Every structure is written in structure tokens, then in C-alpha cells.
Amino acid sequence: MNDFTIQNNTESPQRITPADKRASQTESTSFGQMLKDSIEEVSRLQQESGESIQNLVAGKQTDIHQTMIAMEKSSVAFELLMQTRNKTIEAYEKIMRTPV
């Protein structure tokens, strides 16, 4: 049986001031930047997948498993991006239907 211990942290919690909140907000990335980064990542994964397929067909690579993994990574990333887009559009449309 595994034993575990619980550590009690008796230090007082740090107080967060409004200046700290503003600093953390400026350090965080915007939704637009996160979306841009996601699009770039999906594009990179699709390029890797395409290169892996070309290498397999050309005989430069013999491991079909790595090619399939690259294809699935690309596919899953693209599906996630599309679902994010759909939910964003849905939220925008819902906001636009809200009476003023």
C-alpha cells in the first residue's frame, strides 16, 4: 500500500493588488493571438504530415506508423481548430441576437 502525506501550508496567502491584476492581464495573450498561434500550429502539423507522406511514397522513410501518427496529429488539430471556430461564431451570433 502506498503511503502519502499531506503538507499543511501555513503561510499567509499573498494579497493581489489591482496593479498586479493589470500586470498579469498585459502579460497574458489575447484570444486573437491564441487563435493565430493555433492556426500556425495546425499549418505546421499539416506540413509535417505532407512531408512524411511524401517521404514514405519516395521511399526515404519506411516507418508507416510515424506517417500515420503525423496524419492523425494533423487531423485532430484541424478538427479542434474547426470546433473552436464554430463555437466562436455561435457565441458571436448569440451575442448579436441579444436585445439591447
PDB file of N, CA and C in Angstrom:
ATOM      1  N   MET A   1       0.842  -1.171   0.000  1.00  0.00           N
ATOM      2  CA  MET A   1       0.000   0.000   0.000  1.00  0.00           C
ATOM      3  C   MET A   1       0.889   1.236   0.000  1.00  0.00           C
ATOM      4  N   ASN A   2       0.536   2.230  -0.777  1.00  0.00           N
ATOM      5  CA  ASN A   2       1.314   3.458  -0.849  1.00  0.00           C
ATOM      6  C   ASN A   2       0.895   4.424   0.253  1.00  0.00           C
ATOM      7  N   ASP A   3       1.885   4.963   0.946  1.00  0.00           N
ATOM      8  CA  ASP A   3       1.613   5.970   1.968  1.00  0.00           C
ATOM      9  C   ASP A   3       1.739   7.339   1.335  1.00  0.00           C
ATOM     10  N   PHE A   4       0.947   8.260   1.796  1.00  0.00           N
ATOM     11  CA  PHE A   4       1.077   9.616   1.312  1.00  0.00           C
ATOM     12  C   PHE A   4       0.917  10.567   2.478  1.00  0.00           C
ATOM     13  N   THR A   5       1.474  11.728   2.343  1.00  0.00           N
ATOM     14  CA  THR A   5       1.391  12.733   3.386  1.00  0.00           C
ATOM     15  C   THR A   5       0.762  13.993   2.819  1.00  0.00           C
ATOM     16  N   ILE A   6       0.098  14.707   3.669  1.00  0.00           N
ATOM     17  CA  ILE A   6      -0.494  15.977   3.282  1.00  0.00           C
ATOM     18  C   ILE A   6       0.288  17.068   3.977  1.00  0.00           C
ATOM     19  N   GLN A   7       0.806  17.983   3.178  1.00  0.00           N
ATOM     20  CA  GLN A   7       1.568  19.080   3.747  1.00  0.00           C
ATOM     21  C   GLN A   7       0.629  20.240   4.008  1.00  0.00           C
ATOM     22  N   ASN A   8       0.755  20.816   5.164  1.00  0.00           N
ATOM     23  CA  ASN A   8      -0.076  21.953   5.535  1.00  0.00           C
ATOM     24  C   ASN A   8       0.715  23.219   5.285  1.00  0.00           C
ATOM     25  N   ASN A   9       0.235  24.042   4.396  1.00  0.00           N
ATOM     26  CA  ASN A   9       0.902  25.294   4.097  1.00  0.00           C
ATOM     27  C   ASN A   9       0.317  26.358   5.008  1.00  0.00           C
ATOM     28  N   THR A  10       1.103  26.797   5.995  1.00  0.00           N
ATOM     29  CA  THR A  10       0.609  27.761   6.969  1.00  0.00           C
ATOM     30  C   THR A  10       0.972  29.188   6.605  1.00  0.00           C
ATOM     31  N   GLU A  11       1.621  29.392   5.467  1.00  0.00           N
ATOM     32  CA  GLU A  11       1.966  30.741   5.056  1.00  0.00           C
ATOM     33  C   GLU A  11       0.699  31.500   4.686  1.00  0.00           C
ATOM     34  N   SER A  12       0.706  32.782   4.956  1.00  0.00           N
ATOM     35  CA  SER A  12      -0.471  33.581   4.612  1.00  0.00           C
ATOM     36  C   SER A  12      -0.512  33.784   3.100  1.00  0.00           C
ATOM     37  N   PRO A  13      -1.699  33.778   2.540  1.00  0.00           N
ATOM     38  CA  PRO A  13      -1.797  33.955   1.092  1.00  0.00           C
ATOM     39  C   PRO A  13      -1.367  35.360   0.693  1.00  0.00           C
ATOM     40  N   GLN A  14      -0.802  35.451  -0.489  1.00  0.00           N
ATOM     41  CA  GLN A  14      -0.363  36.755  -0.973  1.00  0.00           C
ATOM     42  C   GLN A  14      -1.572  37.558  -1.396  1.00  0.00           C
ATOM     43  N   ARG A  15      -1.542  38.829  -1.098  1.00  0.00           N
ATOM     44  CA  ARG A  15      -2.628  39.714  -1.497  1.00  0.00           C
ATOM     45  C   ARG A  15      -2.349  40.215  -2.910  1.00  0.00           C
ATOM     46  N   ILE A  16      -3.383  40.192  -3.724  1.00  0.00           N
ATOM     47  CA  ILE A  16      -3.251  40.646  -5.099  1.00  0.00           C
ATOM     48  C   ILE A  16      -3.839  42.046  -5.190  1.00  0.00           C
ATOM     49  N   THR A  17      -3.022  42.968  -5.623  1.00  0.00           N
ATOM     50  CA  THR A  17      -3.470  44.354  -5.751  1.00  0.00           C
ATOM     51  C   THR A  17      -3.951  44.608  -7.173  1.00  0.00           C
ATOM     52  N   PRO A  18      -4.717  45.656  -7.387  1.00  0.00           N
ATOM     53  CA  PRO A  18      -5.158  45.977  -8.749  1.00  0.00           C
ATOM     54  C   PRO A  18      -3.999  46.143  -9.728  1.00  0.00           C
ATOM     55  N   ALA A  19      -2.870  46.675  -9.256  1.00  0.00           N
ATOM     56  CA  ALA A  19      -1.706  46.820 -10.131  1.00  0.00           C
ATOM     57  C   ALA A  19      -1.195  45.450 -10.570  1.00  0.00           C
ATOM     58  N   ASP A  20      -1.237  44.469  -9.657  1.00  0.00           N
ATOM     59  CA  ASP A  20      -0.819  43.111 -10.000  1.00  0.00           C
ATOM     60  C   ASP A  20      -1.751  42.513 -11.045  1.00  0.00           C
ATOM     61  N   LYS A  21      -3.048  42.781 -10.907  1.00  0.00           N
ATOM     62  CA  LYS A  21      -4.009  42.268 -11.871  1.00  0.00           C
ATOM     63  C   LYS A  21      -3.751  42.841 -13.255  1.00  0.00           C
ATOM     64  N   ARG A  22      -3.489  44.146 -13.319  1.00  0.00           N
ATOM     65  CA  ARG A  22      -3.217  44.766 -14.622  1.00  0.00           C
ATOM     66  C   ARG A  22      -1.948  44.192 -15.234  1.00  0.00           C
ATOM     67  N   ALA A  23      -0.939  43.962 -14.418  1.00  0.00           N
ATOM     68  CA  ALA A  23       0.316  43.403 -14.930  1.00  0.00           C
ATOM     69  C   ALA A  23       0.098  42.002 -15.475  1.00  0.00           C
ATOM     70  N   SER A  24      -0.702  41.187 -14.784  1.00  0.00           N
ATOM     71  CA  SER A  24      -0.930  39.829 -15.272  1.00  0.00           C
ATOM     72  C   SER A  24      -1.782  39.843 -16.529  1.00  0.00           C
ATOM     73  N   GLN A  25      -2.693  40.808 -16.663  1.00  0.00           N
ATOM     74  CA  GLN A  25      -3.510  40.886 -17.864  1.00  0.00           C
ATOM     75  C   GLN A  25      -2.671  41.279 -19.079  1.00  0.00           C
ATOM     76  N   THR A  26      -1.713  42.171 -18.890  1.00  0.00           N
ATOM     77  CA  THR A  26      -0.887  42.577 -20.023  1.00  0.00           C
ATOM     78  C   THR A  26       0.072  41.467 -20.428  1.00  0.00           C
ATOM     79  N   GLU A  27       0.443  40.621 -19.481  1.00  0.00           N
ATOM     80  CA  GLU A  27       1.341  39.518 -19.792  1.00  0.00           C
ATOM     81  C   GLU A  27       0.611  38.369 -20.483  1.00  0.00           C
ATOM     82  N   SER A  28      -0.686  38.239 -20.236  1.00  0.00           N
ATOM     83  CA  SER A  28      -1.434  37.153 -20.850  1.00  0.00           C
ATOM     84  C   SER A  28      -1.652  37.459 -22.328  1.00  0.00           C
ATOM     85  N   THR A  29      -1.839  36.403 -23.092  1.00  0.00           N
ATOM     86  CA  THR A  29      -2.045  36.577 -24.522  1.00  0.00           C
ATOM     87  C   THR A  29      -3.510  36.794 -24.808  1.00  0.00           C
ATOM     88  N   SER A  30      -3.789  37.529 -25.851  1.00  0.00           N
ATOM     89  CA  SER A  30      -5.173  37.802 -26.223  1.00  0.00           C
ATOM     90  C   SER A  30      -5.759  36.589 -26.944  1.00  0.00           C
ATOM     91  N   PHE A  31      -7.076  36.576 -27.059  1.00  0.00           N
ATOM     92  CA  PHE A  31      -7.741  35.491 -27.765  1.00  0.00           C
ATOM     93  C   PHE A  31      -7.290  35.460 -29.214  1.00  0.00           C
ATOM     94  N   GLY A  32      -7.163  36.642 -29.811  1.00  0.00           N
ATOM     95  CA  GLY A  32      -6.719  36.722 -31.201  1.00  0.00           C
ATOM     96  C   GLY A  32      -5.334  36.125 -31.389  1.00  0.00           C
ATOM     97  N   GLN A  33      -4.426  36.405 -30.453  1.00  0.00           N
ATOM     98  CA  GLN A  33      -3.072  35.857 -30.550  1.00  0.00           C
ATOM     99  C   GLN A  33      -3.088  34.353 -30.358  1.00  0.00           C
ATOM    100  N   MET A  34      -3.914  33.868 -29.427  1.00  0.00           N
ATOM    101  CA  MET A  34      -4.014  32.422 -29.219  1.00  0.00           C
ATOM    102  C   MET A  34      -4.563  31.745 -30.466  1.00  0.00           C
ATOM    103  N   LEU A  35      -5.543  32.374 -31.109  1.00  0.00           N
ATOM    104  CA  LEU A  35      -6.121  31.821 -32.324  1.00  0.00           C
ATOM    105  C   LEU A  35      -5.090  31.798 -33.447  1.00  0.00           C
ATOM    106  N   LYS A  36      -4.329  32.881 -33.564  1.00  0.00           N
ATOM    107  CA  LYS A  36      -3.275  32.956 -34.579  1.00  0.00           C
ATOM    108  C   LYS A  36      -2.226  31.864 -34.349  1.00  0.00           C
ATOM    109  N   ASP A  37      -1.817  31.681 -33.102  1.00  0.00           N
ATOM    110  CA  ASP A  37      -0.833  30.644 -32.773  1.00  0.00           C
ATOM    111  C   ASP A  37      -1.375  29.254 -33.098  1.00  0.00           C
ATOM    112  N   SER A  38      -2.671  29.046 -32.827  1.00  0.00           N
ATOM    113  CA  SER A  38      -3.282  27.752 -33.115  1.00  0.00           C
ATOM    114  C   SER A  38      -3.303  27.482 -34.616  1.00  0.00           C
ATOM    115  N   ILE A  39      -3.631  28.493 -35.403  1.00  0.00           N
ATOM    116  CA  ILE A  39      -3.652  28.338 -36.857  1.00  0.00           C
ATOM    117  C   ILE A  39      -2.254  28.006 -37.372  1.00  0.00           C
ATOM    118  N   GLU A  40      -1.246  28.689 -36.850  1.00  0.00           N
ATOM    119  CA  GLU A  40       0.132  28.407 -37.260  1.00  0.00           C
ATOM    120  C   GLU A  40       0.545  26.993 -36.884  1.00  0.00           C
ATOM    121  N   GLU A  41       0.126  26.530 -35.704  1.00  0.00           N
ATOM    122  CA  GLU A  41       0.458  25.169 -35.259  1.00  0.00           C
ATOM    123  C   GLU A  41      -0.209  24.126 -36.149  1.00  0.00           C
ATOM    124  N   VAL A  42      -1.477  24.349 -36.495  1.00  0.00           N
ATOM    125  CA  VAL A  42      -2.185  23.423 -37.381  1.00  0.00           C
ATOM    126  C   VAL A  42      -1.502  23.390 -38.748  1.00  0.00           C
ATOM    127  N   SER A  43      -1.123  24.555 -39.234  1.00  0.00           N
ATOM    128  CA  SER A  43      -0.427  24.622 -40.521  1.00  0.00           C
ATOM    129  C   SER A  43       0.891  23.849 -40.475  1.00  0.00           C
ATOM    130  N   ARG A  44       1.627  24.016 -39.378  1.00  0.00           N
ATOM    131  CA  ARG A  44       2.909  23.312 -39.225  1.00  0.00           C
ATOM    132  C   ARG A  44       2.686  21.802 -39.198  1.00  0.00           C
ATOM    133  N   LEU A  45       1.675  21.352 -38.464  1.00  0.00           N
ATOM    134  CA  LEU A  45       1.388  19.918 -38.382  1.00  0.00           C
ATOM    135  C   LEU A  45       0.960  19.364 -39.740  1.00  0.00           C
ATOM    136  N   GLN A  46       0.206  20.138 -40.510  1.00  0.00           N
ATOM    137  CA  GLN A  46      -0.206  19.684 -41.836  1.00  0.00           C
ATOM    138  C   GLN A  46       0.997  19.592 -42.775  1.00  0.00           C
ATOM    139  N   GLN A  47       1.922  20.535 -42.670  1.00  0.00           N
ATOM    140  CA  GLN A  47       3.126  20.470 -43.493  1.00  0.00           C
ATOM    141  C   GLN A  47       3.970  19.255 -43.131  1.00  0.00           C
ATOM    142  N   GLU A  48       4.115  18.992 -41.833  1.00  0.00           N
ATOM    143  CA  GLU A  48       4.871  17.814 -41.397  1.00  0.00           C
ATOM    144  C   GLU A  48       4.218  16.538 -41.904  1.00  0.00           C
ATOM    145  N   SER A  49       2.904  16.495 -41.848  1.00  0.00           N
ATOM    146  CA  SER A  49       2.171  15.330 -42.327  1.00  0.00           C
ATOM    147  C   SER A  49       2.408  15.131 -43.821  1.00  0.00           C
ATOM    148  N   GLY A  50       2.313  16.214 -44.587  1.00  0.00           N
ATOM    149  CA  GLY A  50       2.542  16.138 -46.028  1.00  0.00           C
ATOM    150  C   GLY A  50       3.955  15.681 -46.366  1.00  0.00           C
ATOM    151  N   GLU A  51       4.928  16.214 -45.637  1.00  0.00           N
ATOM    152  CA  GLU A  51       6.322  15.807 -45.860  1.00  0.00           C
ATOM    153  C   GLU A  51       6.515  14.333 -45.522  1.00  0.00           C
ATOM    154  N   SER A  52       5.888  13.885 -44.441  1.00  0.00           N
ATOM    155  CA  SER A  52       6.008  12.489 -44.036  1.00  0.00           C
ATOM    156  C   SER A  52       5.405  11.564 -45.094  1.00  0.00           C
ATOM    157  N   ILE A  53       4.268  11.972 -45.659  1.00  0.00           N
ATOM    158  CA  ILE A  53       3.641  11.181 -46.721  1.00  0.00           C
ATOM    159  C   ILE A  53       4.545  11.130 -47.952  1.00  0.00           C
ATOM    160  N   GLN A  54       5.098  12.284 -48.332  1.00  0.00           N
ATOM    161  CA  GLN A  54       5.987  12.322 -49.493  1.00  0.00           C
ATOM    162  C   GLN A  54       7.220  11.467 -49.273  1.00  0.00           C
ATOM    163  N   ASN A  55       7.776  11.512 -48.068  1.00  0.00           N
ATOM    164  CA  ASN A  55       8.952  10.692 -47.766  1.00  0.00           C
ATOM    165  C   ASN A  55       8.622   9.207 -47.806  1.00  0.00           C
ATOM    166  N   LEU A  56       7.430   8.841 -47.363  1.00  0.00           N
ATOM    167  CA  LEU A  56       7.013   7.443 -47.394  1.00  0.00           C
ATOM    168  C   LEU A  56       6.850   6.973 -48.838  1.00  0.00           C
ATOM    169  N   VAL A  57       6.216   7.790 -49.659  1.00  0.00           N
ATOM    170  CA  VAL A  57       5.991   7.430 -51.059  1.00  0.00           C
ATOM    171  C   VAL A  57       7.315   7.361 -51.821  1.00  0.00           C
ATOM    172  N   ALA A  58       8.231   8.264 -51.499  1.00  0.00           N
ATOM    173  CA  ALA A  58       9.519   8.304 -52.197  1.00  0.00           C
ATOM    174  C   ALA A  58      10.481   7.222 -51.704  1.00  0.00           C
ATOM    175  N   GLY A  59      10.123   6.564 -50.613  1.00  0.00           N
ATOM    176  CA  GLY A  59      10.988   5.511 -50.085  1.00  0.00           C
ATOM    177  C   GLY A  59      12.053   6.022 -49.138  1.00  0.00           C
ATOM    178  N   LYS A  60      12.035   7.302 -48.829  1.00  0.00           N
ATOM    179  CA  LYS A  60      13.011   7.864 -47.885  1.00  0.00           C
ATOM    180  C   LYS A  60      12.700   7.454 -46.449  1.00  0.00           C
ATOM    181  N   GLN A  61      11.444   7.125 -46.215  1.00  0.00           N
ATOM    182  CA  GLN A  61      11.003   6.707 -44.887  1.00  0.00           C
ATOM    183  C   GLN A  61      10.252   5.396 -45.040  1.00  0.00           C
ATOM    184  N   THR A  62      10.537   4.442 -44.167  1.00  0.00           N
ATOM    185  CA  THR A  62       9.876   3.142 -44.271  1.00  0.00           C
ATOM    186  C   THR A  62       8.909   2.872 -43.125  1.00  0.00           C
ATOM    187  N   ASP A  63       8.887   3.774 -42.139  1.00  0.00           N
ATOM    188  CA  ASP A  63       8.019   3.563 -40.971  1.00  0.00           C
ATOM    189  C   ASP A  63       6.654   4.191 -41.218  1.00  0.00           C
ATOM    190  N   ILE A  64       5.695   3.347 -41.600  1.00  0.00           N
ATOM    191  CA  ILE A  64       4.352   3.837 -41.888  1.00  0.00           C
ATOM    192  C   ILE A  64       3.652   4.329 -40.624  1.00  0.00           C
ATOM    193  N   HIS A  65       4.059   3.814 -39.472  1.00  0.00           N
ATOM    194  CA  HIS A  65       3.440   4.226 -38.215  1.00  0.00           C
ATOM    195  C   HIS A  65       3.687   5.708 -37.938  1.00  0.00           C
ATOM    196  N   GLN A  66       4.903   6.155 -38.172  1.00  0.00           N
ATOM    197  CA  GLN A  66       5.206   7.574 -37.948  1.00  0.00           C
ATOM    198  C   GLN A  66       4.396   8.454 -38.890  1.00  0.00           C
ATOM    199  N   THR A  67       4.192   7.998 -40.111  1.00  0.00           N
ATOM    200  CA  THR A  67       3.385   8.747 -41.070  1.00  0.00           C
ATOM    201  C   THR A  67       1.940   8.816 -40.608  1.00  0.00           C
ATOM    202  N   MET A  68       1.418   7.707 -40.149  1.00  0.00           N
ATOM    203  CA  MET A  68       0.030   7.688 -39.669  1.00  0.00           C
ATOM    204  C   MET A  68      -0.139   8.561 -38.432  1.00  0.00           C
ATOM    205  N   ILE A  69       0.843   8.554 -37.550  1.00  0.00           N
ATOM    206  CA  ILE A  69       0.779   9.399 -36.350  1.00  0.00           C
ATOM    207  C   ILE A  69       0.785  10.869 -36.747  1.00  0.00           C
ATOM    208  N   ALA A  70       1.643  11.237 -37.696  1.00  0.00           N
ATOM    209  CA  ALA A  70       1.693  12.625 -38.166  1.00  0.00           C
ATOM    210  C   ALA A  70       0.365  13.031 -38.800  1.00  0.00           C
ATOM    211  N   MET A  71      -0.232  12.125 -39.564  1.00  0.00           N
ATOM    212  CA  MET A  71      -1.522  12.422 -40.192  1.00  0.00           C
ATOM    213  C   MET A  71      -2.616  12.610 -39.150  1.00  0.00           C
ATOM    214  N   GLU A  72      -2.643  11.769 -38.133  1.00  0.00           N
ATOM    215  CA  GLU A  72      -3.662  11.874 -37.088  1.00  0.00           C
ATOM    216  C   GLU A  72      -3.481  13.134 -36.255  1.00  0.00           C
ATOM    217  N   LYS A  73      -2.232  13.488 -35.929  1.00  0.00           N
ATOM    218  CA  LYS A  73      -1.984  14.726 -35.202  1.00  0.00           C
ATOM    219  C   LYS A  73      -2.533  15.907 -35.982  1.00  0.00           C
ATOM    220  N   SER A  74      -2.256  15.928 -37.263  1.00  0.00           N
ATOM    221  CA  SER A  74      -2.735  16.996 -38.131  1.00  0.00           C
ATOM    222  C   SER A  74      -4.256  17.021 -38.168  1.00  0.00           C
ATOM    223  N   SER A  75      -4.859  15.879 -38.295  1.00  0.00           N
ATOM    224  CA  SER A  75      -6.311  15.779 -38.376  1.00  0.00           C
ATOM    225  C   SER A  75      -6.985  16.242 -37.082  1.00  0.00           C
ATOM    226  N   VAL A  76      -6.473  15.793 -35.957  1.00  0.00           N
ATOM    227  CA  VAL A  76      -7.062  16.154 -34.662  1.00  0.00           C
ATOM    228  C   VAL A  76      -6.895  17.650 -34.405  1.00  0.00           C
ATOM    229  N   ALA A  77      -5.735  18.187 -34.716  1.00  0.00           N
ATOM    230  CA  ALA A  77      -5.502  19.620 -34.523  1.00  0.00           C
ATOM    231  C   ALA A  77      -6.444  20.444 -35.394  1.00  0.00           C
ATOM    232  N   PHE A  78      -6.654  20.012 -36.635  1.00  0.00           N
ATOM    233  CA  PHE A  78      -7.554  20.720 -37.532  1.00  0.00           C
ATOM    234  C   PHE A  78      -8.990  20.657 -37.027  1.00  0.00           C
ATOM    235  N   GLU A  79      -9.414  19.486 -36.563  1.00  0.00           N
ATOM    236  CA  GLU A  79     -10.768  19.342 -36.023  1.00  0.00           C
ATOM    237  C   GLU A  79     -10.973  20.240 -34.805  1.00  0.00           C
ATOM    238  N   LEU A  80      -9.985  20.316 -33.936  1.00  0.00           N
ATOM    239  CA  LEU A  80     -10.081  21.177 -32.759  1.00  0.00           C
ATOM    240  C   LEU A  80     -10.193  22.637 -33.185  1.00  0.00           C
ATOM    241  N   LEU A  81      -9.404  23.039 -34.153  1.00  0.00           N
ATOM    242  CA  LEU A  81      -9.456  24.408 -34.648  1.00  0.00           C
ATOM    243  C   LEU A  81     -10.829  24.712 -35.252  1.00  0.00           C
ATOM    244  N   MET A  82     -11.392  23.782 -36.001  1.00  0.00           N
ATOM    245  CA  MET A  82     -12.702  23.989 -36.605  1.00  0.00           C
ATOM    246  C   MET A  82     -13.795  24.079 -35.530  1.00  0.00           C
ATOM    247  N   GLN A  83     -13.705  23.257 -34.497  1.00  0.00           N
ATOM    248  CA  GLN A  83     -14.682  23.330 -33.417  1.00  0.00           C
ATOM    249  C   GLN A  83     -14.574  24.655 -32.666  1.00  0.00           C
ATOM    250  N   THR A  84     -13.355  25.133 -32.476  1.00  0.00           N
ATOM    251  CA  THR A  84     -13.155  26.436 -31.836  1.00  0.00           C
ATOM    252  C   THR A  84     -13.777  27.534 -32.687  1.00  0.00           C
ATOM    253  N   ARG A  85     -13.556  27.477 -33.987  1.00  0.00           N
ATOM    254  CA  ARG A  85     -14.139  28.456 -34.902  1.00  0.00           C
ATOM    255  C   ARG A  85     -15.661  28.403 -34.830  1.00  0.00           C
ATOM    256  N   ASN A  86     -16.225  27.206 -34.874  1.00  0.00           N
ATOM    257  CA  ASN A  86     -17.676  27.066 -34.841  1.00  0.00           C
ATOM    258  C   ASN A  86     -18.270  27.618 -33.547  1.00  0.00           C
ATOM    259  N   LYS A  87     -17.636  27.322 -32.423  1.00  0.00           N
ATOM    260  CA  LYS A  87     -18.135  27.811 -31.136  1.00  0.00           C
ATOM    261  C   LYS A  87     -17.994  29.328 -31.042  1.00  0.00           C
ATOM    262  N   THR A  88     -16.946  29.879 -31.597  1.00  0.00           N
ATOM    263  CA  THR A  88     -16.759  31.322 -31.586  1.00  0.00           C
ATOM    264  C   THR A  88     -17.830  32.011 -32.415  1.00  0.00           C
ATOM    265  N   ILE A  89     -18.108  31.487 -33.585  1.00  0.00           N
ATOM    266  CA  ILE A  89     -19.148  32.054 -34.434  1.00  0.00           C
ATOM    267  C   ILE A  89     -20.506  31.919 -33.768  1.00  0.00           C
ATOM    268  N   GLU A  90     -20.759  30.779 -33.159  1.00  0.00           N
ATOM    269  CA  GLU A  90     -22.020  30.556 -32.459  1.00  0.00           C
ATOM    270  C   GLU A  90     -22.192  31.562 -31.321  1.00  0.00           C
ATOM    271  N   ALA A  91     -21.132  31.803 -30.560  1.00  0.00           N
ATOM    272  CA  ALA A  91     -21.196  32.772 -29.458  1.00  0.00           C
ATOM    273  C   ALA A  91     -21.420  34.184 -29.997  1.00  0.00           C
ATOM    274  N   TYR A  92     -20.757  34.530 -31.084  1.00  0.00           N
ATOM    275  CA  TYR A  92     -20.930  35.849 -31.701  1.00  0.00           C
ATOM    276  C   TYR A  92     -22.377  36.033 -32.158  1.00  0.00           C
ATOM    277  N   GLU A  93     -22.932  35.026 -32.814  1.00  0.00           N
ATOM    278  CA  GLU A  93     -24.313  35.116 -33.283  1.00  0.00           C
ATOM    279  C   GLU A  93     -25.287  35.231 -32.120  1.00  0.00           C
ATOM    280  N   LYS A  94     -25.012  34.537 -31.047  1.00  0.00           N
ATOM    281  CA  LYS A  94     -25.868  34.611 -29.868  1.00  0.00           C
ATOM    282  C   LYS A  94     -25.818  36.010 -29.261  1.00  0.00           C
ATOM    283  N   ILE A  95     -24.643  36.592 -29.201  1.00  0.00           N
ATOM    284  CA  ILE A  95     -24.496  37.952 -28.682  1.00  0.00           C
ATOM    285  C   ILE A  95     -25.240  38.943 -29.573  1.00  0.00           C
ATOM    286  N   MET A  96     -25.150  38.756 -30.889  1.00  0.00           N
ATOM    287  CA  MET A  96     -25.803  39.667 -31.817  1.00  0.00           C
ATOM    288  C   MET A  96     -27.325  39.573 -31.721  1.00  0.00           C
ATOM    289  N   ARG A  97     -27.871  38.434 -31.328  1.00  0.00           N
ATOM    290  CA  ARG A  97     -29.309  38.265 -31.178  1.00  0.00           C
ATOM    291  C   ARG A  97     -29.823  38.839 -29.858  1.00  0.00           C
ATOM    292  N   THR A  98     -28.919  39.145 -28.948  1.00  0.00           N
ATOM    293  CA  THR A  98     -29.331  39.664 -27.642  1.00  0.00           C
ATOM    294  C   THR A  98     -29.935  41.058 -27.801  1.00  0.00           C
ATOM    295  N   PRO A  99     -31.156  41.262 -27.283  1.00  0.00           N
ATOM    296  CA  PRO A  99     -31.764  42.594 -27.411  1.00  0.00           C
ATOM    297  C   PRO A  99     -31.010  43.628 -26.564  1.00  0.00           C
ATOM    298  N   VAL A 100     -30.993  44.810 -27.070  1.00  0.00           N
ATOM    299  CA  VAL A 100     -30.252  45.888 -26.387  1.00  0.00           C
ATOM    300  C   VAL A 100     -31.132  46.584 -25.396  1.00  0.00           C
TER     301      VAL A 100
END
